[in-house]
Amino acid sequence: MISSPQAPKIRKGESVKTPKTDCEYLTSNQEYVVKKVFIDGTFLIKDDTGENIFCKVSDCGHLNGMNWILNN
């Protein structure tokens, strides 16, 4: 049996915080409310421009491979 590491638990309505980032549509150290969580562990937030974006807790492409800071 192959085991995979458990994804961190994240829930709709909780907030996540960005680490220091140079992303044009996310602000460093800003909290964003999780709008939806998917079975694969990805989640949906609204960025600074009002667009919905899909994110991963670890190794997120929007954060250039950095991890989101969980506030739970």
PDB file of N, CA and C in Angstrom:
ATOM      1  N   MET A   1       0.839  -1.171   0.000  1.00  0.00           N
ATOM      2  CA  MET A   1       0.000   0.000   0.000  1.00  0.00           C
ATOM      3  C   MET A   1       0.891   1.244   0.000  1.00  0.00           C
ATOM      4  N   ILE A   2       0.549   2.193  -0.836  1.00  0.00           N
ATOM      5  CA  ILE A   2       1.276   3.456  -0.899  1.00  0.00           C
ATOM      6  C   ILE A   2       0.548   4.468  -0.026  1.00  0.00           C
ATOM      7  N   SER A   3       1.293   5.104   0.842  1.00  0.00           N
ATOM      8  CA  SER A   3       0.661   6.116   1.678  1.00  0.00           C
ATOM      9  C   SER A   3       1.148   7.490   1.244  1.00  0.00           C
ATOM     10  N   SER A   4       0.250   8.432   1.306  1.00  0.00           N
ATOM     11  CA  SER A   4       0.622   9.805   0.958  1.00  0.00           C
ATOM     12  C   SER A   4       0.502  10.661   2.200  1.00  0.00           C
ATOM     13  N   PRO A   5       1.297  11.710   2.276  1.00  0.00           N
ATOM     14  CA  PRO A   5       1.200  12.572   3.455  1.00  0.00           C
ATOM     15  C   PRO A   5      -0.156  13.243   3.518  1.00  0.00           C
ATOM     16  N   GLN A   6      -0.643  13.410   4.724  1.00  0.00           N
ATOM     17  CA  GLN A   6      -1.932  14.066   4.927  1.00  0.00           C
ATOM     18  C   GLN A   6      -1.822  15.534   4.564  1.00  0.00           C
ATOM     19  N   ALA A   7      -2.776  16.017   3.791  1.00  0.00           N
ATOM     20  CA  ALA A   7      -2.821  17.442   3.477  1.00  0.00           C
ATOM     21  C   ALA A   7      -3.304  18.190   4.714  1.00  0.00           C
ATOM     22  N   PRO A   8      -2.757  19.370   4.959  1.00  0.00           N
ATOM     23  CA  PRO A   8      -3.237  20.148   6.104  1.00  0.00           C
ATOM     24  C   PRO A   8      -4.731  20.405   5.981  1.00  0.00           C
ATOM     25  N   LYS A   9      -5.420  20.367   7.103  1.00  0.00           N
ATOM     26  CA  LYS A   9      -6.865  20.582   7.103  1.00  0.00           C
ATOM     27  C   LYS A   9      -7.156  22.075   6.967  1.00  0.00           C
ATOM     28  N   ILE A  10      -7.964  22.392   6.011  1.00  0.00           N
ATOM     29  CA  ILE A  10      -8.364  23.765   5.778  1.00  0.00           C
ATOM     30  C   ILE A  10      -9.863  23.747   5.500  1.00  0.00           C
ATOM     31  N   ARG A  11     -10.574  24.749   5.982  1.00  0.00           N
ATOM     32  CA  ARG A  11     -12.029  24.758   5.844  1.00  0.00           C
ATOM     33  C   ARG A  11     -12.513  26.055   5.230  1.00  0.00           C
ATOM     34  N   LYS A  12     -13.629  25.958   4.565  1.00  0.00           N
ATOM     35  CA  LYS A  12     -14.294  27.134   4.002  1.00  0.00           C
ATOM     36  C   LYS A  12     -14.548  28.135   5.132  1.00  0.00           C
ATOM     37  N   GLY A  13     -14.278  29.408   4.869  1.00  0.00           N
ATOM     38  CA  GLY A  13     -14.510  30.464   5.843  1.00  0.00           C
ATOM     39  C   GLY A  13     -13.301  30.786   6.700  1.00  0.00           C
ATOM     40  N   GLU A  14     -12.325  29.875   6.751  1.00  0.00           N
ATOM     41  CA  GLU A  14     -11.093  30.164   7.476  1.00  0.00           C
ATOM     42  C   GLU A  14     -10.239  31.093   6.625  1.00  0.00           C
ATOM     43  N   SER A  15      -9.247  31.685   7.255  1.00  0.00           N
ATOM     44  CA  SER A  15      -8.372  32.562   6.487  1.00  0.00           C
ATOM     45  C   SER A  15      -6.986  31.951   6.376  1.00  0.00           C
ATOM     46  N   VAL A  16      -6.325  32.280   5.285  1.00  0.00           N
ATOM     47  CA  VAL A  16      -4.945  31.896   5.035  1.00  0.00           C
ATOM     48  C   VAL A  16      -4.171  33.183   4.800  1.00  0.00           C
ATOM     49  N   LYS A  17      -2.880  33.150   5.078  1.00  0.00           N
ATOM     50  CA  LYS A  17      -2.066  34.358   4.975  1.00  0.00           C
ATOM     51  C   LYS A  17      -0.921  34.110   4.008  1.00  0.00           C
ATOM     52  N   THR A  18      -0.620  35.119   3.217  1.00  0.00           N
ATOM     53  CA  THR A  18       0.497  34.996   2.286  1.00  0.00           C
ATOM     54  C   THR A  18       1.816  35.254   3.005  1.00  0.00           C
ATOM     55  N   PRO A  19       2.855  34.516   2.617  1.00  0.00           N
ATOM     56  CA  PRO A  19       4.185  34.875   3.088  1.00  0.00           C
ATOM     57  C   PRO A  19       4.644  36.097   2.282  1.00  0.00           C
ATOM     58  N   LYS A  20       5.852  36.522   2.455  1.00  0.00           N
ATOM     59  CA  LYS A  20       6.378  37.618   1.636  1.00  0.00           C
ATOM     60  C   LYS A  20       6.401  37.138   0.182  1.00  0.00           C
ATOM     61  N   THR A  21       5.769  37.893  -0.695  1.00  0.00           N
ATOM     62  CA  THR A  21       5.659  37.484  -2.088  1.00  0.00           C
ATOM     63  C   THR A  21       5.770  38.688  -3.008  1.00  0.00           C
ATOM     64  N   ASP A  22       6.201  38.431  -4.229  1.00  0.00           N
ATOM     65  CA  ASP A  22       6.246  39.495  -5.229  1.00  0.00           C
ATOM     66  C   ASP A  22       5.117  39.338  -6.248  1.00  0.00           C
ATOM     67  N   CYS A  23       4.143  38.531  -5.906  1.00  0.00           N
ATOM     68  CA  CYS A  23       2.986  38.306  -6.778  1.00  0.00           C
ATOM     69  C   CYS A  23       2.228  39.622  -6.959  1.00  0.00           C
ATOM     70  N   GLU A  24       1.857  39.941  -8.192  1.00  0.00           N
ATOM     71  CA  GLU A  24       1.191  41.205  -8.502  1.00  0.00           C
ATOM     72  C   GLU A  24      -0.254  41.267  -8.014  1.00  0.00           C
ATOM     73  N   TYR A  25      -0.884  40.125  -7.804  1.00  0.00           N
ATOM     74  CA  TYR A  25      -2.309  40.119  -7.448  1.00  0.00           C
ATOM     75  C   TYR A  25      -2.578  39.590  -6.044  1.00  0.00           C
ATOM     76  N   LEU A  26      -1.504  39.370  -5.262  1.00  0.00           N
ATOM     77  CA  LEU A  26      -1.622  38.996  -3.850  1.00  0.00           C
ATOM     78  C   LEU A  26      -0.695  39.893  -3.040  1.00  0.00           C
ATOM     79  N   THR A  27      -1.147  40.334  -1.874  1.00  0.00           N
ATOM     80  CA  THR A  27      -0.368  41.219  -1.019  1.00  0.00           C
ATOM     81  C   THR A  27       0.359  40.411   0.050  1.00  0.00           C
ATOM     82  N   SER A  28       1.639  40.700   0.258  1.00  0.00           N
ATOM     83  CA  SER A  28       2.425  40.025   1.301  1.00  0.00           C
ATOM     84  C   SER A  28       1.787  40.228   2.668  1.00  0.00           C
ATOM     85  N   ASN A  29       1.784  39.160   3.458  1.00  0.00           N
ATOM     86  CA  ASN A  29       1.248  39.169   4.824  1.00  0.00           C
ATOM     87  C   ASN A  29      -0.225  39.552   4.909  1.00  0.00           C
ATOM     88  N   GLN A  30      -0.953  39.364   3.846  1.00  0.00           N
ATOM     89  CA  GLN A  30      -2.387  39.648   3.803  1.00  0.00           C
ATOM     90  C   GLN A  30      -3.163  38.361   4.060  1.00  0.00           C
ATOM     91  N   GLU A  31      -4.272  38.478   4.786  1.00  0.00           N
ATOM     92  CA  GLU A  31      -5.146  37.322   4.992  1.00  0.00           C
ATOM     93  C   GLU A  31      -6.211  37.292   3.907  1.00  0.00           C
ATOM     94  N   TYR A  32      -6.489  36.094   3.426  1.00  0.00           N
ATOM     95  CA  TYR A  32      -7.523  35.866   2.413  1.00  0.00           C
ATOM     96  C   TYR A  32      -8.463  34.791   2.937  1.00  0.00           C
ATOM     97  N   VAL A  33      -9.762  34.987   2.743  1.00  0.00           N
ATOM     98  CA  VAL A  33     -10.766  34.037   3.211  1.00  0.00           C
ATOM     99  C   VAL A  33     -10.917  32.916   2.189  1.00  0.00           C
ATOM    100  N   VAL A  34     -10.908  31.685   2.682  1.00  0.00           N
ATOM    101  CA  VAL A  34     -11.087  30.514   1.826  1.00  0.00           C
ATOM    102  C   VAL A  34     -12.559  30.424   1.437  1.00  0.00           C
ATOM    103  N   LYS A  35     -12.821  30.473   0.139  1.00  0.00           N
ATOM    104  CA  LYS A  35     -14.190  30.442  -0.380  1.00  0.00           C
ATOM    105  C   LYS A  35     -14.709  29.020  -0.569  1.00  0.00           C
ATOM    106  N   LYS A  36     -13.805  28.119  -0.946  1.00  0.00           N
ATOM    107  CA  LYS A  36     -14.201  26.726  -1.203  1.00  0.00           C
ATOM    108  C   LYS A  36     -12.963  25.851  -1.068  1.00  0.00           C
ATOM    109  N   VAL A  37     -13.164  24.627  -0.576  1.00  0.00           N
ATOM    110  CA  VAL A  37     -12.081  23.647  -0.452  1.00  0.00           C
ATOM    111  C   VAL A  37     -12.460  22.427  -1.280  1.00  0.00           C
ATOM    112  N   PHE A  38     -11.496  21.896  -2.009  1.00  0.00           N
ATOM    113  CA  PHE A  38     -11.744  20.756  -2.880  1.00  0.00           C
ATOM    114  C   PHE A  38     -11.132  19.489  -2.290  1.00  0.00           C
ATOM    115  N   ILE A  39     -11.617  18.366  -2.737  1.00  0.00           N
ATOM    116  CA  ILE A  39     -11.225  17.072  -2.183  1.00  0.00           C
ATOM    117  C   ILE A  39      -9.724  16.816  -2.306  1.00  0.00           C
ATOM    118  N   ASP A  40      -9.080  17.402  -3.304  1.00  0.00           N
ATOM    119  CA  ASP A  40      -7.640  17.190  -3.479  1.00  0.00           C
ATOM    120  C   ASP A  40      -6.798  18.121  -2.600  1.00  0.00           C
ATOM    121  N   GLY A  41      -7.462  18.943  -1.771  1.00  0.00           N
ATOM    122  CA  GLY A  41      -6.748  19.839  -0.857  1.00  0.00           C
ATOM    123  C   GLY A  41      -6.515  21.233  -1.396  1.00  0.00           C
ATOM    124  N   THR A  42      -6.828  21.454  -2.671  1.00  0.00           N
ATOM    125  CA  THR A  42      -6.718  22.808  -3.204  1.00  0.00           C
ATOM    126  C   THR A  42      -7.873  23.645  -2.665  1.00  0.00           C
ATOM    127  N   PHE A  43      -7.719  24.947  -2.728  1.00  0.00           N
ATOM    128  CA  PHE A  43      -8.763  25.828  -2.223  1.00  0.00           C
ATOM    129  C   PHE A  43      -8.891  27.058  -3.108  1.00  0.00           C
ATOM    130  N   LEU A  44      -9.996  27.744  -2.945  1.00  0.00           N
ATOM    131  CA  LEU A  44     -10.325  28.897  -3.768  1.00  0.00           C
ATOM    132  C   LEU A  44     -10.356  30.150  -2.899  1.00  0.00           C
ATOM    133  N   ILE A  45      -9.687  31.200  -3.367  1.00  0.00           N
ATOM    134  CA  ILE A  45      -9.740  32.504  -2.703  1.00  0.00           C
ATOM    135  C   ILE A  45     -10.005  33.572  -3.758  1.00  0.00           C
ATOM    136  N   LYS A  46     -10.330  34.760  -3.301  1.00  0.00           N
ATOM    137  CA  LYS A  46     -10.476  35.904  -4.195  1.00  0.00           C
ATOM    138  C   LYS A  46      -9.217  36.742  -4.035  1.00  0.00           C
ATOM    139  N   ASP A  47      -8.514  37.019  -5.149  1.00  0.00           N
ATOM    140  CA  ASP A  47      -7.270  37.789  -5.072  1.00  0.00           C
ATOM    141  C   ASP A  47      -7.555  39.293  -4.998  1.00  0.00           C
ATOM    142  N   ASP A  48      -6.509  40.105  -5.021  1.00  0.00           N
ATOM    143  CA  ASP A  48      -6.650  41.553  -4.870  1.00  0.00           C
ATOM    144  C   ASP A  48      -7.386  42.220  -6.030  1.00  0.00           C
ATOM    145  N   THR A  49      -7.453  41.549  -7.167  1.00  0.00           N
ATOM    146  CA  THR A  49      -8.159  42.112  -8.323  1.00  0.00           C
ATOM    147  C   THR A  49      -9.617  41.665  -8.374  1.00  0.00           C
ATOM    148  N   GLY A  50     -10.006  40.791  -7.422  1.00  0.00           N
ATOM    149  CA  GLY A  50     -11.370  40.292  -7.390  1.00  0.00           C
ATOM    150  C   GLY A  50     -11.575  38.988  -8.136  1.00  0.00           C
ATOM    151  N   GLU A  51     -10.491  38.447  -8.698  1.00  0.00           N
ATOM    152  CA  GLU A  51     -10.570  37.177  -9.427  1.00  0.00           C
ATOM    153  C   GLU A  51     -10.479  36.009  -8.454  1.00  0.00           C
ATOM    154  N   ASN A  52     -11.210  34.942  -8.738  1.00  0.00           N
ATOM    155  CA  ASN A  52     -11.102  33.700  -7.968  1.00  0.00           C
ATOM    156  C   ASN A  52      -9.892  32.930  -8.472  1.00  0.00           C
ATOM    157  N   ILE A  53      -9.051  32.488  -7.549  1.00  0.00           N
ATOM    158  CA  ILE A  53      -7.886  31.691  -7.946  1.00  0.00           C
ATOM    159  C   ILE A  53      -7.825  30.419  -7.106  1.00  0.00           C
ATOM    160  N   PHE A  54      -7.344  29.355  -7.726  1.00  0.00           N
ATOM    161  CA  PHE A  54      -7.168  28.071  -7.063  1.00  0.00           C
ATOM    162  C   PHE A  54      -5.750  28.007  -6.512  1.00  0.00           C
ATOM    163  N   CYS A  55      -5.630  27.575  -5.269  1.00  0.00           N
ATOM    164  CA  CYS A  55      -4.326  27.541  -4.601  1.00  0.00           C
ATOM    165  C   CYS A  55      -4.083  26.187  -3.956  1.00  0.00           C
ATOM    166  N   LYS A  56      -2.788  25.913  -3.696  1.00  0.00           N
ATOM    167  CA  LYS A  56      -2.370  24.745  -2.933  1.00  0.00           C
ATOM    168  C   LYS A  56      -1.721  25.251  -1.656  1.00  0.00           C
ATOM    169  N   VAL A  57      -1.952  24.558  -0.537  1.00  0.00           N
ATOM    170  CA  VAL A  57      -1.376  24.967   0.740  1.00  0.00           C
ATOM    171  C   VAL A  57       0.144  24.981   0.645  1.00  0.00           C
ATOM    172  N   SER A  58       0.709  23.929   0.087  1.00  0.00           N
ATOM    173  CA  SER A  58       2.169  23.810  -0.044  1.00  0.00           C
ATOM    174  C   SER A  58       2.569  23.925  -1.504  1.00  0.00           C
ATOM    175  N   ASP A  59       3.696  24.550  -1.746  1.00  0.00           N
ATOM    176  CA  ASP A  59       4.245  24.653  -3.095  1.00  0.00           C
ATOM    177  C   ASP A  59       3.247  25.292  -4.072  1.00  0.00           C
ATOM    178  N   CYS A  60       2.664  26.407  -3.658  1.00  0.00           N
ATOM    179  CA  CYS A  60       1.644  27.072  -4.469  1.00  0.00           C
ATOM    180  C   CYS A  60       2.283  27.860  -5.623  1.00  0.00           C
ATOM    181  N   GLY A  61       1.782  27.659  -6.803  1.00  0.00           N
ATOM    182  CA  GLY A  61       2.287  28.353  -7.981  1.00  0.00           C
ATOM    183  C   GLY A  61       2.104  29.858  -7.917  1.00  0.00           C
ATOM    184  N   HIS A  62       1.037  30.311  -7.265  1.00  0.00           N
ATOM    185  CA  HIS A  62       0.801  31.751  -7.138  1.00  0.00           C
ATOM    186  C   HIS A  62       1.821  32.408  -6.208  1.00  0.00           C
ATOM    187  N   LEU A  63       2.447  31.616  -5.350  1.00  0.00           N
ATOM    188  CA  LEU A  63       3.432  32.119  -4.393  1.00  0.00           C
ATOM    189  C   LEU A  63       4.849  31.698  -4.788  1.00  0.00           C
ATOM    190  N   ASN A  64       5.028  31.384  -6.064  1.00  0.00           N
ATOM    191  CA  ASN A  64       6.336  30.944  -6.571  1.00  0.00           C
ATOM    192  C   ASN A  64       6.905  29.772  -5.782  1.00  0.00           C
ATOM    193  N   GLY A  65       6.032  28.824  -5.453  1.00  0.00           N
ATOM    194  CA  GLY A  65       6.455  27.597  -4.776  1.00  0.00           C
ATOM    195  C   GLY A  65       6.490  27.682  -3.262  1.00  0.00           C
ATOM    196  N   MET A  66       6.122  28.830  -2.712  1.00  0.00           N
ATOM    197  CA  MET A  66       6.097  28.943  -1.246  1.00  0.00           C
ATOM    198  C   MET A  66       4.784  28.389  -0.707  1.00  0.00           C
ATOM    199  N   ASN A  67       4.710  28.283   0.628  1.00  0.00           N
ATOM    200  CA  ASN A  67       3.531  27.737   1.298  1.00  0.00           C
ATOM    201  C   ASN A  67       2.678  28.855   1.890  1.00  0.00           C
ATOM    202  N   TRP A  68       1.374  28.636   1.905  1.00  0.00           N
ATOM    203  CA  TRP A  68       0.469  29.529   2.595  1.00  0.00           C
ATOM    204  C   TRP A  68       0.641  29.364   4.094  1.00  0.00           C
ATOM    205  N   ILE A  69       0.408  30.427   4.850  1.00  0.00           N
ATOM    206  CA  ILE A  69       0.447  30.372   6.302  1.00  0.00           C
ATOM    207  C   ILE A  69      -0.986  30.135   6.777  1.00  0.00           C
ATOM    208  N   LEU A  70      -1.191  29.012   7.470  1.00  0.00           N
ATOM    209  CA  LEU A  70      -2.527  28.662   7.931  1.00  0.00           C
ATOM    210  C   LEU A  70      -2.797  29.312   9.275  1.00  0.00           C
ATOM    211  N   ASN A  71      -3.986  29.849   9.437  1.00  0.00           N
ATOM    212  CA  ASN A  71      -4.356  30.555  10.662  1.00  0.00           C
ATOM    213  C   ASN A  71      -5.220  29.713  11.581  1.00  0.00           C
ATOM    214  N   ASN A  72      -5.263  28.418  11.381  1.00  0.00           N
ATOM    215  CA  ASN A  72      -6.118  27.580  12.213  1.00  0.00           C
ATOM    216  C   ASN A  72      -5.363  26.901  13.310  1.00  0.00           C
TER     217      ASN A  72
END
